[in-house]
């Protein structure tokens, strides 16, 4: 008797498996992920199920990798690129632009599905959100200290930002179904920037 699929050692992931995720991303925007089968996933990726199992054990593992493939370039650009010498306003705009570009093609429905059905995936997304909010907090503080931004309670601003992100996901099916996340975030942060800037 052979070993179960879950017990086999997996191949390391490569640029090839990353490319599979970009193929998969547009196909999972508006479907019920909890009902998605491995057969359907392999068909969406365009590889046999046995090939998929060479790299992944479970559906949740594939979806976690999908989230990581989307978030890692964003994290690289947001946290590892240097904006030294930029104004707080320019740093804020940089965050807006990076999130807008990076989240293009991600629907609120997809995030809602991740949050409701795949706790490991959602934990990774939530950790990313916390890092982004921490960066925005530093920009708020720097801008207020430099006199670029009006002085507001930063904890309150971040609580509102966090509420906005949470609302996108938890109310996606009611108030903003199938809207693209990047457009909503860009509009929200542009509104926020307009309120922060000193006239």
N, C-alpha and C. Protein backbone atom coordinates (compact mmCIF):
# COMPACT_ATOMS: atom_id res chain seq x y z
N UNK A 1 0.84 -1.18 0.00
CA UNK A 1 0.00 0.00 0.00
C UNK A 1 0.89 1.24 0.00
N UNK A 2 0.61 2.20 -0.93
CA UNK A 2 1.41 3.42 -1.03
C UNK A 2 1.07 4.41 0.07
N UNK A 3 1.96 5.36 0.23
CA UNK A 3 1.72 6.41 1.22
C UNK A 3 0.62 7.35 0.73
N UNK A 4 -0.10 7.92 1.69
CA UNK A 4 -1.12 8.89 1.32
C UNK A 4 -0.46 10.12 0.70
N UNK A 5 -1.25 10.84 -0.11
CA UNK A 5 -0.75 12.04 -0.77
C UNK A 5 -0.17 13.04 0.23
N UNK A 6 -0.80 13.17 1.39
CA UNK A 6 -0.36 14.16 2.36
C UNK A 6 0.98 13.79 2.99
N UNK A 7 1.38 12.52 2.91
CA UNK A 7 2.61 12.09 3.57
C UNK A 7 3.85 12.21 2.67
N UNK A 8 3.63 12.44 1.39
CA UNK A 8 4.77 12.51 0.47
C UNK A 8 5.54 13.81 0.66
N UNK A 9 6.88 13.77 0.52
CA UNK A 9 7.62 15.03 0.54
C UNK A 9 7.26 15.86 -0.69
N UNK A 10 7.23 17.15 -0.55
CA UNK A 10 6.84 18.02 -1.65
C UNK A 10 8.06 18.65 -2.31
N UNK A 11 7.92 18.95 -3.60
CA UNK A 11 8.98 19.65 -4.32
C UNK A 11 9.01 21.12 -3.87
N UNK A 12 10.18 21.74 -3.91
CA UNK A 12 10.22 23.17 -3.58
C UNK A 12 9.50 23.99 -4.64
N UNK A 13 8.86 25.08 -4.20
CA UNK A 13 8.13 25.93 -5.14
C UNK A 13 9.10 26.85 -5.87
N UNK A 14 8.75 27.14 -7.10
CA UNK A 14 9.65 27.88 -7.99
C UNK A 14 8.89 28.99 -8.69
N UNK A 15 9.56 29.65 -9.63
CA UNK A 15 8.88 30.66 -10.47
C UNK A 15 7.73 30.02 -11.24
N UNK A 16 7.89 28.75 -11.56
CA UNK A 16 6.84 28.03 -12.29
C UNK A 16 5.57 27.93 -11.44
N UNK A 17 5.71 27.55 -10.17
CA UNK A 17 4.52 27.44 -9.31
C UNK A 17 3.93 28.81 -9.02
N UNK A 18 4.80 29.82 -8.96
CA UNK A 18 4.30 31.19 -8.77
C UNK A 18 3.45 31.61 -9.97
N UNK A 19 3.90 31.25 -11.16
CA UNK A 19 3.13 31.57 -12.37
C UNK A 19 1.76 30.87 -12.35
N UNK A 20 1.71 29.66 -11.78
CA UNK A 20 0.41 28.98 -11.65
C UNK A 20 -0.56 29.83 -10.86
N UNK A 21 -0.06 30.50 -9.81
CA UNK A 21 -0.94 31.29 -8.94
C UNK A 21 -1.52 32.49 -9.69
N UNK A 22 -0.70 33.10 -10.56
CA UNK A 22 -1.22 34.23 -11.34
C UNK A 22 -2.25 33.76 -12.36
N UNK A 23 -2.13 32.50 -12.80
CA UNK A 23 -3.16 31.91 -13.67
C UNK A 23 -4.43 31.66 -12.87
N UNK A 24 -4.26 31.22 -11.62
CA UNK A 24 -5.40 30.86 -10.77
C UNK A 24 -6.17 32.09 -10.28
N UNK A 25 -5.45 33.16 -9.97
CA UNK A 25 -6.07 34.32 -9.30
C UNK A 25 -7.35 34.82 -9.96
N UNK A 26 -7.37 35.12 -11.26
CA UNK A 26 -8.62 35.65 -11.83
C UNK A 26 -9.77 34.64 -11.84
N UNK A 27 -9.45 33.36 -11.71
CA UNK A 27 -10.48 32.33 -11.82
C UNK A 27 -11.18 32.04 -10.50
N UNK A 28 -10.65 32.56 -9.40
CA UNK A 28 -11.27 32.27 -8.09
C UNK A 28 -11.91 33.51 -7.46
N UNK A 29 -12.09 34.56 -8.24
CA UNK A 29 -12.61 35.81 -7.68
C UNK A 29 -14.03 35.70 -7.16
N UNK A 30 -14.89 35.02 -7.88
CA UNK A 30 -16.32 35.07 -7.58
C UNK A 30 -16.94 33.71 -7.30
N UNK A 31 -16.11 32.75 -6.89
CA UNK A 31 -16.65 31.40 -6.65
C UNK A 31 -16.64 31.10 -5.15
N UNK A 32 -17.36 30.05 -4.76
CA UNK A 32 -17.36 29.61 -3.37
C UNK A 32 -16.16 28.70 -3.14
N UNK A 33 -15.16 29.24 -2.45
CA UNK A 33 -13.92 28.50 -2.28
C UNK A 33 -14.09 27.26 -1.43
N UNK A 34 -15.03 27.30 -0.49
CA UNK A 34 -15.21 26.12 0.37
C UNK A 34 -15.71 24.92 -0.42
N UNK A 35 -16.38 25.18 -1.57
CA UNK A 35 -16.89 24.08 -2.40
C UNK A 35 -15.91 23.71 -3.52
N UNK A 36 -14.84 24.47 -3.65
CA UNK A 36 -13.87 24.22 -4.71
C UNK A 36 -13.12 22.91 -4.45
N UNK A 37 -13.07 22.05 -5.45
CA UNK A 37 -12.38 20.75 -5.31
C UNK A 37 -10.96 20.85 -5.86
N UNK A 38 -10.13 19.88 -5.49
CA UNK A 38 -8.78 19.83 -6.03
C UNK A 38 -8.80 19.59 -7.54
N UNK A 39 -9.80 18.84 -8.02
CA UNK A 39 -9.93 18.64 -9.47
C UNK A 39 -10.17 19.97 -10.17
N UNK A 40 -11.07 20.79 -9.60
CA UNK A 40 -11.35 22.10 -10.19
C UNK A 40 -10.13 23.01 -10.11
N UNK A 41 -9.45 22.98 -8.97
CA UNK A 41 -8.24 23.80 -8.83
C UNK A 41 -7.20 23.43 -9.88
N UNK A 42 -6.97 22.14 -10.06
CA UNK A 42 -5.97 21.72 -11.03
C UNK A 42 -6.39 22.12 -12.45
N UNK A 43 -7.70 22.08 -12.73
CA UNK A 43 -8.19 22.51 -14.04
C UNK A 43 -7.98 24.01 -14.23
N UNK A 44 -8.23 24.80 -13.19
CA UNK A 44 -8.01 26.24 -13.27
C UNK A 44 -6.54 26.57 -13.51
N UNK A 45 -5.67 25.83 -12.85
CA UNK A 45 -4.22 26.07 -12.99
C UNK A 45 -3.71 25.53 -14.33
N UNK A 46 -4.41 24.50 -14.85
CA UNK A 46 -4.00 23.92 -16.12
C UNK A 46 -2.97 22.83 -15.98
N UNK A 47 -2.94 22.20 -14.79
CA UNK A 47 -2.02 21.09 -14.53
C UNK A 47 -2.82 19.92 -13.97
N UNK A 48 -2.26 18.72 -14.10
CA UNK A 48 -2.96 17.55 -13.55
C UNK A 48 -2.95 17.61 -12.03
N UNK A 49 -3.90 16.91 -11.43
CA UNK A 49 -3.97 16.88 -9.97
C UNK A 49 -2.71 16.25 -9.39
N UNK A 50 -2.18 15.24 -10.05
CA UNK A 50 -0.96 14.60 -9.53
C UNK A 50 0.22 15.58 -9.56
N UNK A 51 0.27 16.43 -10.58
CA UNK A 51 1.33 17.45 -10.63
C UNK A 51 1.17 18.46 -9.49
N UNK A 52 -0.07 18.87 -9.25
CA UNK A 52 -0.33 19.82 -8.15
C UNK A 52 0.11 19.21 -6.82
N UNK A 53 -0.19 17.93 -6.62
CA UNK A 53 0.16 17.27 -5.36
C UNK A 53 1.68 17.10 -5.18
N UNK A 54 2.43 17.29 -6.24
CA UNK A 54 3.88 17.26 -6.08
C UNK A 54 4.38 18.47 -5.28
N UNK A 55 3.57 19.53 -5.25
CA UNK A 55 3.98 20.78 -4.60
C UNK A 55 3.12 21.17 -3.40
N UNK A 56 1.87 20.71 -3.37
CA UNK A 56 0.92 21.13 -2.34
C UNK A 56 0.18 19.93 -1.76
N UNK A 57 -0.11 20.01 -0.45
CA UNK A 57 -0.84 18.92 0.19
C UNK A 57 -2.35 19.14 0.16
N UNK A 58 -2.78 20.41 0.32
CA UNK A 58 -4.21 20.68 0.50
C UNK A 58 -4.63 21.93 -0.28
N UNK A 59 -5.92 22.09 -0.40
CA UNK A 59 -6.48 23.29 -1.03
C UNK A 59 -6.08 24.54 -0.25
N UNK A 60 -6.13 24.46 1.09
CA UNK A 60 -5.79 25.64 1.90
C UNK A 60 -4.33 26.03 1.70
N UNK A 61 -3.48 25.04 1.51
CA UNK A 61 -2.06 25.32 1.26
C UNK A 61 -1.89 26.07 -0.06
N UNK A 62 -2.66 25.69 -1.07
CA UNK A 62 -2.61 26.39 -2.36
C UNK A 62 -3.09 27.82 -2.20
N UNK A 63 -4.20 28.00 -1.47
CA UNK A 63 -4.75 29.35 -1.30
C UNK A 63 -3.83 30.23 -0.45
N UNK A 64 -3.15 29.63 0.52
CA UNK A 64 -2.17 30.39 1.31
C UNK A 64 -1.03 30.85 0.40
N UNK A 65 -0.57 29.96 -0.44
CA UNK A 65 0.51 30.32 -1.37
C UNK A 65 0.05 31.40 -2.33
N UNK A 66 -1.20 31.31 -2.80
CA UNK A 66 -1.77 32.34 -3.67
C UNK A 66 -1.72 33.70 -2.97
N UNK A 67 -2.15 33.75 -1.71
CA UNK A 67 -2.12 35.01 -0.95
C UNK A 67 -0.69 35.52 -0.81
N UNK A 68 0.24 34.62 -0.55
CA UNK A 68 1.65 35.01 -0.38
C UNK A 68 2.23 35.56 -1.68
N UNK A 69 1.87 34.94 -2.80
CA UNK A 69 2.37 35.40 -4.10
C UNK A 69 1.88 36.82 -4.39
N UNK A 70 0.64 37.13 -3.98
CA UNK A 70 0.12 38.48 -4.18
C UNK A 70 0.77 39.46 -3.20
N UNK A 71 0.93 39.05 -1.93
CA UNK A 71 1.39 39.99 -0.90
C UNK A 71 2.90 40.23 -0.90
N UNK A 72 3.69 39.24 -1.28
CA UNK A 72 5.14 39.38 -1.14
C UNK A 72 5.72 40.54 -1.97
N UNK A 73 5.32 40.72 -3.24
CA UNK A 73 5.86 41.88 -3.96
C UNK A 73 5.39 43.20 -3.36
N UNK A 74 4.18 43.22 -2.81
CA UNK A 74 3.69 44.43 -2.14
C UNK A 74 4.54 44.75 -0.92
N UNK A 75 4.80 43.72 -0.12
CA UNK A 75 5.62 43.91 1.08
C UNK A 75 7.01 44.39 0.70
N UNK A 76 7.57 43.81 -0.35
CA UNK A 76 8.91 44.22 -0.81
C UNK A 76 8.93 45.70 -1.17
N UNK A 77 7.92 46.13 -1.91
CA UNK A 77 7.89 47.53 -2.36
C UNK A 77 7.54 48.48 -1.22
N UNK A 78 6.67 48.06 -0.32
CA UNK A 78 6.25 48.94 0.77
C UNK A 78 7.29 49.06 1.87
N UNK A 79 7.97 47.95 2.20
CA UNK A 79 8.81 47.94 3.39
C UNK A 79 10.31 47.89 3.10
N UNK A 80 10.70 47.46 1.92
CA UNK A 80 12.13 47.34 1.65
C UNK A 80 12.66 48.40 0.69
N UNK A 81 11.74 49.09 -0.02
CA UNK A 81 12.21 50.16 -0.89
C UNK A 81 12.39 51.42 -0.06
N UNK A 82 13.37 52.22 -0.42
CA UNK A 82 13.69 53.41 0.38
C UNK A 82 12.99 54.63 -0.19
N UNK A 83 12.29 55.35 0.69
CA UNK A 83 11.68 56.62 0.31
C UNK A 83 12.30 57.75 1.14
N UNK A 84 13.55 57.56 1.57
CA UNK A 84 14.18 58.57 2.42
C UNK A 84 14.24 59.87 1.66
N UNK A 85 13.93 60.94 2.36
CA UNK A 85 13.94 62.25 1.73
C UNK A 85 12.58 62.62 1.16
N UNK A 86 11.67 61.66 1.08
CA UNK A 86 10.32 61.96 0.60
C UNK A 86 9.53 62.64 1.69
N UNK A 87 8.58 63.46 1.29
CA UNK A 87 7.67 64.05 2.27
C UNK A 87 6.69 62.98 2.74
N UNK A 88 6.05 63.23 3.86
CA UNK A 88 5.05 62.28 4.36
C UNK A 88 3.92 62.12 3.36
N UNK A 89 3.55 63.23 2.72
CA UNK A 89 2.49 63.16 1.71
C UNK A 89 2.92 62.23 0.57
N UNK A 90 4.18 62.35 0.12
CA UNK A 90 4.68 61.49 -0.97
C UNK A 90 4.74 60.03 -0.53
N UNK A 91 5.13 59.80 0.71
CA UNK A 91 5.15 58.42 1.23
C UNK A 91 3.75 57.84 1.26
N UNK A 92 2.79 58.67 1.68
CA UNK A 92 1.39 58.23 1.74
C UNK A 92 0.89 57.88 0.35
N UNK A 93 1.19 58.74 -0.62
CA UNK A 93 0.78 58.49 -2.01
C UNK A 93 1.44 57.21 -2.53
N UNK A 94 2.71 56.98 -2.13
CA UNK A 94 3.40 55.75 -2.53
C UNK A 94 2.65 54.52 -2.03
N UNK A 95 2.18 54.56 -0.77
CA UNK A 95 1.41 53.45 -0.22
C UNK A 95 0.14 53.23 -1.04
N UNK A 96 -0.55 54.32 -1.37
CA UNK A 96 -1.79 54.23 -2.16
C UNK A 96 -1.49 53.57 -3.51
N UNK A 97 -0.43 54.04 -4.17
CA UNK A 97 -0.12 53.52 -5.50
C UNK A 97 0.29 52.05 -5.47
N UNK A 98 1.11 51.69 -4.49
CA UNK A 98 1.56 50.29 -4.39
C UNK A 98 0.38 49.37 -4.13
N UNK A 99 -0.47 49.74 -3.16
CA UNK A 99 -1.63 48.90 -2.85
C UNK A 99 -2.58 48.83 -4.03
N UNK A 100 -2.77 49.97 -4.70
CA UNK A 100 -3.65 49.99 -5.87
C UNK A 100 -3.18 49.06 -6.97
N UNK A 101 -1.88 49.14 -7.29
CA UNK A 101 -1.33 48.27 -8.34
C UNK A 101 -1.33 46.81 -7.90
N UNK A 102 -0.90 46.58 -6.67
CA UNK A 102 -0.71 45.21 -6.20
C UNK A 102 -1.98 44.44 -5.98
N UNK A 103 -3.07 45.15 -5.64
CA UNK A 103 -4.33 44.46 -5.36
C UNK A 103 -5.28 44.49 -6.55
N UNK A 104 -4.80 44.99 -7.68
CA UNK A 104 -5.64 44.96 -8.88
C UNK A 104 -5.99 43.51 -9.19
N UNK A 105 -7.25 43.25 -9.43
CA UNK A 105 -7.68 41.89 -9.75
C UNK A 105 -8.08 41.06 -8.55
N UNK A 106 -8.03 41.66 -7.34
CA UNK A 106 -8.49 40.95 -6.14
C UNK A 106 -9.86 41.50 -5.78
N UNK A 107 -10.84 40.61 -5.65
CA UNK A 107 -12.21 41.06 -5.35
C UNK A 107 -12.49 41.00 -3.85
N UNK A 108 -13.46 41.80 -3.42
CA UNK A 108 -13.89 41.74 -2.03
C UNK A 108 -14.49 40.37 -1.71
N UNK A 109 -15.11 39.76 -2.70
CA UNK A 109 -15.70 38.43 -2.51
C UNK A 109 -14.62 37.40 -2.17
N UNK A 110 -13.50 37.49 -2.86
CA UNK A 110 -12.40 36.55 -2.61
C UNK A 110 -11.89 36.72 -1.17
N UNK A 111 -11.70 37.97 -0.73
CA UNK A 111 -11.24 38.21 0.64
C UNK A 111 -12.25 37.70 1.66
N UNK A 112 -13.52 37.92 1.38
CA UNK A 112 -14.57 37.45 2.29
C UNK A 112 -14.52 35.93 2.42
N UNK A 113 -14.29 35.25 1.30
CA UNK A 113 -14.20 33.79 1.31
C UNK A 113 -12.99 33.32 2.12
N UNK A 114 -11.86 34.01 1.93
CA UNK A 114 -10.65 33.65 2.69
C UNK A 114 -10.89 33.82 4.19
N UNK A 115 -11.50 34.93 4.56
CA UNK A 115 -11.73 35.21 5.98
C UNK A 115 -12.70 34.21 6.59
N UNK A 116 -13.74 33.84 5.86
CA UNK A 116 -14.77 32.98 6.41
C UNK A 116 -14.44 31.50 6.44
N UNK A 117 -13.56 31.06 5.54
CA UNK A 117 -13.38 29.61 5.37
C UNK A 117 -11.96 29.09 5.55
N UNK A 118 -10.97 29.97 5.53
CA UNK A 118 -9.58 29.50 5.54
C UNK A 118 -8.75 30.30 6.55
N UNK A 119 -8.80 29.89 7.82
CA UNK A 119 -8.16 30.68 8.88
C UNK A 119 -6.66 30.87 8.72
N UNK A 120 -5.97 29.88 8.19
CA UNK A 120 -4.52 30.02 7.99
C UNK A 120 -4.23 31.10 6.96
N UNK A 121 -5.01 31.10 5.89
CA UNK A 121 -4.84 32.10 4.83
C UNK A 121 -5.17 33.48 5.39
N UNK A 122 -6.28 33.56 6.12
CA UNK A 122 -6.69 34.86 6.64
C UNK A 122 -5.68 35.40 7.65
N UNK A 123 -5.05 34.53 8.43
CA UNK A 123 -4.05 34.99 9.39
C UNK A 123 -2.89 35.67 8.66
N UNK A 124 -2.47 35.11 7.54
CA UNK A 124 -1.38 35.71 6.75
C UNK A 124 -1.81 37.06 6.19
N UNK A 125 -3.05 37.14 5.69
CA UNK A 125 -3.56 38.41 5.15
C UNK A 125 -3.68 39.44 6.27
N UNK A 126 -4.20 39.02 7.42
CA UNK A 126 -4.38 39.93 8.54
C UNK A 126 -3.03 40.45 9.04
N UNK A 127 -2.01 39.60 9.07
CA UNK A 127 -0.67 40.05 9.46
C UNK A 127 -0.14 41.10 8.49
N UNK A 128 -0.42 40.92 7.22
CA UNK A 128 -0.01 41.91 6.22
C UNK A 128 -0.73 43.24 6.46
N UNK A 129 -2.03 43.17 6.74
CA UNK A 129 -2.80 44.38 7.02
C UNK A 129 -2.22 45.12 8.22
N UNK A 130 -1.85 44.39 9.26
CA UNK A 130 -1.26 45.00 10.46
C UNK A 130 0.04 45.73 10.11
N UNK A 131 0.87 45.11 9.26
CA UNK A 131 2.13 45.75 8.84
C UNK A 131 1.86 47.03 8.05
N UNK A 132 0.87 46.98 7.16
CA UNK A 132 0.53 48.17 6.36
C UNK A 132 0.03 49.28 7.28
N UNK A 133 -0.83 48.94 8.23
CA UNK A 133 -1.36 49.95 9.15
C UNK A 133 -0.24 50.54 10.01
N UNK A 134 0.74 49.72 10.38
CA UNK A 134 1.87 50.22 11.15
C UNK A 134 2.68 51.22 10.32
N UNK A 135 2.87 50.91 9.04
CA UNK A 135 3.58 51.85 8.16
C UNK A 135 2.80 53.15 8.03
N UNK A 136 1.49 53.05 7.84
CA UNK A 136 0.66 54.26 7.72
C UNK A 136 0.72 55.06 9.02
N UNK A 137 0.73 54.39 10.15
CA UNK A 137 0.84 55.06 11.45
C UNK A 137 2.10 55.91 11.51
N UNK A 138 3.22 55.34 11.05
CA UNK A 138 4.49 56.08 11.06
C UNK A 138 4.43 57.30 10.14
N UNK A 139 3.74 57.14 9.00
CA UNK A 139 3.59 58.26 8.07
C UNK A 139 2.73 59.35 8.71
N UNK A 140 1.63 58.96 9.36
CA UNK A 140 0.79 59.95 10.07
C UNK A 140 1.64 60.74 11.06
N UNK A 141 2.39 60.00 11.88
CA UNK A 141 3.18 60.63 12.95
C UNK A 141 4.23 61.58 12.36
N UNK A 142 4.93 61.09 11.35
CA UNK A 142 5.96 61.92 10.72
C UNK A 142 5.36 63.18 10.09
N UNK A 143 4.23 62.99 9.39
CA UNK A 143 3.59 64.14 8.74
C UNK A 143 3.07 65.17 9.73
N UNK A 144 2.56 64.72 10.85
CA UNK A 144 2.07 65.65 11.87
C UNK A 144 3.23 66.37 12.55
N UNK A 145 4.31 65.63 12.82
CA UNK A 145 5.48 66.24 13.46
C UNK A 145 6.14 67.27 12.55
N UNK A 146 6.10 67.02 11.23
CA UNK A 146 6.72 67.93 10.28
C UNK A 146 5.80 69.09 9.89
N UNK A 147 4.55 69.06 10.38
CA UNK A 147 3.61 70.12 10.04
C UNK A 147 2.96 69.97 8.68
N UNK A 148 3.15 68.80 8.03
CA UNK A 148 2.51 68.56 6.72
C UNK A 148 1.04 68.19 6.89
N UNK A 149 0.75 67.45 7.96
CA UNK A 149 -0.59 66.96 8.21
C UNK A 149 -1.18 67.68 9.42
N UNK A 150 -2.49 67.81 9.39
CA UNK A 150 -3.18 68.31 10.58
C UNK A 150 -3.05 67.30 11.71
N UNK A 151 -3.08 67.80 12.93
CA UNK A 151 -2.90 66.90 14.08
C UNK A 151 -4.24 66.25 14.43
N UNK A 152 -4.23 64.92 14.38
CA UNK A 152 -5.37 64.11 14.80
C UNK A 152 -4.84 63.01 15.72
N UNK A 153 -5.74 62.37 16.42
CA UNK A 153 -5.36 61.22 17.25
C UNK A 153 -5.04 60.05 16.31
N UNK A 154 -3.79 59.61 16.33
CA UNK A 154 -3.35 58.57 15.39
C UNK A 154 -4.05 57.24 15.67
N UNK A 155 -4.28 56.92 16.95
CA UNK A 155 -4.98 55.68 17.27
C UNK A 155 -6.38 55.68 16.67
N UNK A 156 -7.03 56.85 16.71
CA UNK A 156 -8.36 56.96 16.12
C UNK A 156 -8.29 56.77 14.60
N UNK A 157 -7.32 57.41 13.96
CA UNK A 157 -7.17 57.27 12.51
C UNK A 157 -6.96 55.81 12.12
N UNK A 158 -6.09 55.13 12.88
CA UNK A 158 -5.81 53.72 12.57
C UNK A 158 -7.02 52.83 12.84
N UNK A 159 -7.77 53.15 13.89
CA UNK A 159 -8.99 52.38 14.16
C UNK A 159 -9.97 52.53 13.00
N UNK A 160 -10.07 53.74 12.44
CA UNK A 160 -10.94 53.96 11.29
C UNK A 160 -10.42 53.21 10.06
N UNK A 161 -9.09 53.24 9.88
CA UNK A 161 -8.50 52.51 8.75
C UNK A 161 -8.78 51.01 8.87
N UNK A 162 -8.59 50.50 10.08
CA UNK A 162 -8.82 49.07 10.32
C UNK A 162 -10.30 48.72 10.09
N UNK A 163 -11.17 49.60 10.55
CA UNK A 163 -12.62 49.39 10.36
C UNK A 163 -12.96 49.37 8.87
N UNK A 164 -12.33 50.26 8.11
CA UNK A 164 -12.57 50.31 6.67
C UNK A 164 -12.19 48.98 6.01
N UNK A 165 -10.99 48.48 6.34
CA UNK A 165 -10.54 47.21 5.75
C UNK A 165 -11.47 46.08 6.14
N UNK A 166 -11.84 46.04 7.42
CA UNK A 166 -12.74 44.99 7.90
C UNK A 166 -14.10 45.08 7.20
N UNK A 167 -14.59 46.30 7.00
CA UNK A 167 -15.90 46.48 6.35
C UNK A 167 -15.89 45.99 4.92
N UNK A 168 -14.79 46.21 4.22
CA UNK A 168 -14.69 45.72 2.84
C UNK A 168 -14.98 44.23 2.80
N UNK A 169 -14.41 43.51 3.77
CA UNK A 169 -14.50 42.06 3.73
C UNK A 169 -15.82 41.56 4.30
N UNK A 170 -16.18 42.02 5.48
CA UNK A 170 -17.35 41.44 6.15
C UNK A 170 -18.66 41.87 5.50
N UNK A 171 -18.66 43.00 4.79
CA UNK A 171 -19.90 43.45 4.15
C UNK A 171 -19.83 43.38 2.64
N UNK A 172 -18.85 42.64 2.13
CA UNK A 172 -18.64 42.60 0.69
C UNK A 172 -19.87 42.16 -0.07
N UNK A 173 -20.55 41.14 0.44
CA UNK A 173 -21.68 40.59 -0.32
C UNK A 173 -22.91 41.49 -0.26
N UNK A 174 -22.93 42.44 0.70
CA UNK A 174 -24.10 43.31 0.84
C UNK A 174 -23.90 44.66 0.14
N UNK A 175 -22.87 45.40 0.61
CA UNK A 175 -22.77 46.78 0.17
C UNK A 175 -21.85 46.99 -1.02
N UNK A 176 -20.83 46.16 -1.19
CA UNK A 176 -19.89 46.38 -2.28
C UNK A 176 -19.54 45.06 -2.97
N UNK A 177 -20.53 44.35 -3.46
CA UNK A 177 -20.22 43.05 -4.06
C UNK A 177 -19.37 43.20 -5.32
N UNK A 178 -18.33 42.35 -5.39
CA UNK A 178 -17.51 42.20 -6.57
C UNK A 178 -16.75 43.46 -6.98
N UNK A 179 -16.73 44.48 -6.11
CA UNK A 179 -15.88 45.63 -6.40
C UNK A 179 -14.43 45.20 -6.27
N UNK A 180 -13.58 45.84 -6.99
CA UNK A 180 -12.16 45.54 -6.89
C UNK A 180 -11.58 46.26 -5.68
N UNK A 181 -10.82 45.54 -4.89
CA UNK A 181 -10.28 46.05 -3.64
C UNK A 181 -9.38 47.25 -3.88
N UNK A 182 -8.57 47.21 -4.94
CA UNK A 182 -7.61 48.31 -5.15
C UNK A 182 -8.32 49.64 -5.35
N UNK A 183 -9.44 49.65 -6.07
CA UNK A 183 -10.15 50.92 -6.31
C UNK A 183 -10.73 51.47 -5.02
N UNK A 184 -11.28 50.59 -4.19
CA UNK A 184 -11.83 51.03 -2.91
C UNK A 184 -10.75 51.59 -1.99
N UNK A 185 -9.61 50.91 -1.93
CA UNK A 185 -8.53 51.38 -1.07
C UNK A 185 -7.97 52.70 -1.58
N UNK A 186 -7.80 52.83 -2.89
CA UNK A 186 -7.30 54.09 -3.44
C UNK A 186 -8.25 55.25 -3.10
N UNK A 187 -9.55 55.04 -3.29
CA UNK A 187 -10.52 56.10 -3.00
C UNK A 187 -10.49 56.47 -1.52
N UNK A 188 -10.47 55.45 -0.68
CA UNK A 188 -10.47 55.69 0.77
C UNK A 188 -9.21 56.46 1.20
N UNK A 189 -8.04 56.00 0.76
CA UNK A 189 -6.81 56.65 1.19
C UNK A 189 -6.67 58.05 0.61
N UNK A 190 -7.18 58.25 -0.61
CA UNK A 190 -7.17 59.61 -1.17
C UNK A 190 -8.08 60.54 -0.36
N UNK A 191 -9.24 60.04 0.07
CA UNK A 191 -10.10 60.83 0.95
C UNK A 191 -9.39 61.13 2.26
N UNK A 192 -8.72 60.13 2.82
CA UNK A 192 -7.99 60.31 4.07
C UNK A 192 -6.89 61.38 3.88
N UNK A 193 -6.14 61.29 2.78
CA UNK A 193 -5.07 62.24 2.53
C UNK A 193 -5.62 63.66 2.39
N UNK A 194 -6.76 63.79 1.73
CA UNK A 194 -7.38 65.11 1.59
C UNK A 194 -7.74 65.71 2.95
N UNK A 195 -8.17 64.88 3.88
CA UNK A 195 -8.52 65.37 5.22
C UNK A 195 -7.31 65.68 6.09
N UNK A 196 -6.19 65.00 5.80
CA UNK A 196 -4.99 65.19 6.62
C UNK A 196 -4.20 66.43 6.21
N UNK A 197 -4.16 66.70 4.90
CA UNK A 197 -3.28 67.77 4.42
C UNK A 197 -3.70 69.13 4.98
N UNK A 198 -2.69 69.90 5.31
CA UNK A 198 -2.96 71.27 5.74
C UNK A 198 -3.22 72.11 4.51
N UNK A 199 -4.19 72.99 4.60
CA UNK A 199 -4.53 73.83 3.43
C UNK A 199 -3.63 75.04 3.35
